[in-house]
């Protein structure tokens, strides 16, 4: 029996940077009746608050919800309000090195889109995230830019040469996330095991980027049972099945 179900966010629970639909909020509330739930993704806390925390119905048991921004380098719990349990942040010199590498890599690989929406590189404290079309790009533009991850694999390979010793993973529709070495979703899930006391074998993971180089793949490498989905509709179907089994 599984005690905890962990989810990726963008592309799994919601469309890229969009709030949970009411149907997903209700599904998560059903799941929280029978299990703990974790959400681990590259976005920072403000994005989690907008997409997840504020979108759950009143009946949802928030005390069983573990929200893990920036690939699990931050953890938030609810005790009447949402509070940070921990946050592991980059030093200023580390950030500067990463930002320089991004500039050099984008020039070298030539992936400069004709149009962008908002900032392309975001400092999330414990993670630096590159969004190819900008942080505010419309969903249609995001989905059409790199649907097979081919463009980002080229940028990822170049960055790995420039930033040895750092974790560089693809996520969402247009993003590349950079964290300290060893920091990926497996790292975050192991931190969750330590803080929650829930055994890894009692967890399962659901995500849309469970493939080599995808930022959900480390969960499978960690040995968790995983469910691969293509979109939030697939996640809804998976949650319904899990709730039925756990009941």
Foldseek 3Di string as FASTA:
>chain_A
DFAEEEEEPDQAQAPPLAAGDLLSLVLQQLVQVQHAYEYFYAAADVSCCRRPVVNHDPSRPQQSYWYAYRLQQWIWGDDPHIDIPHHDFDDPVVVVLLVVLLVVLCVVLVLQDPAADADQWDHRGQKIKGFRRHPPDDRVVLCPPCVPCVSVVSSQVSSCVSDPQWDWADDHRGMIMIGGHPRANLVNVVVVCVVVVRDQASYEYEYAQCDVRHRVVVNVVNPHHYDHDRGNVRNSVVSVVVSVVSD
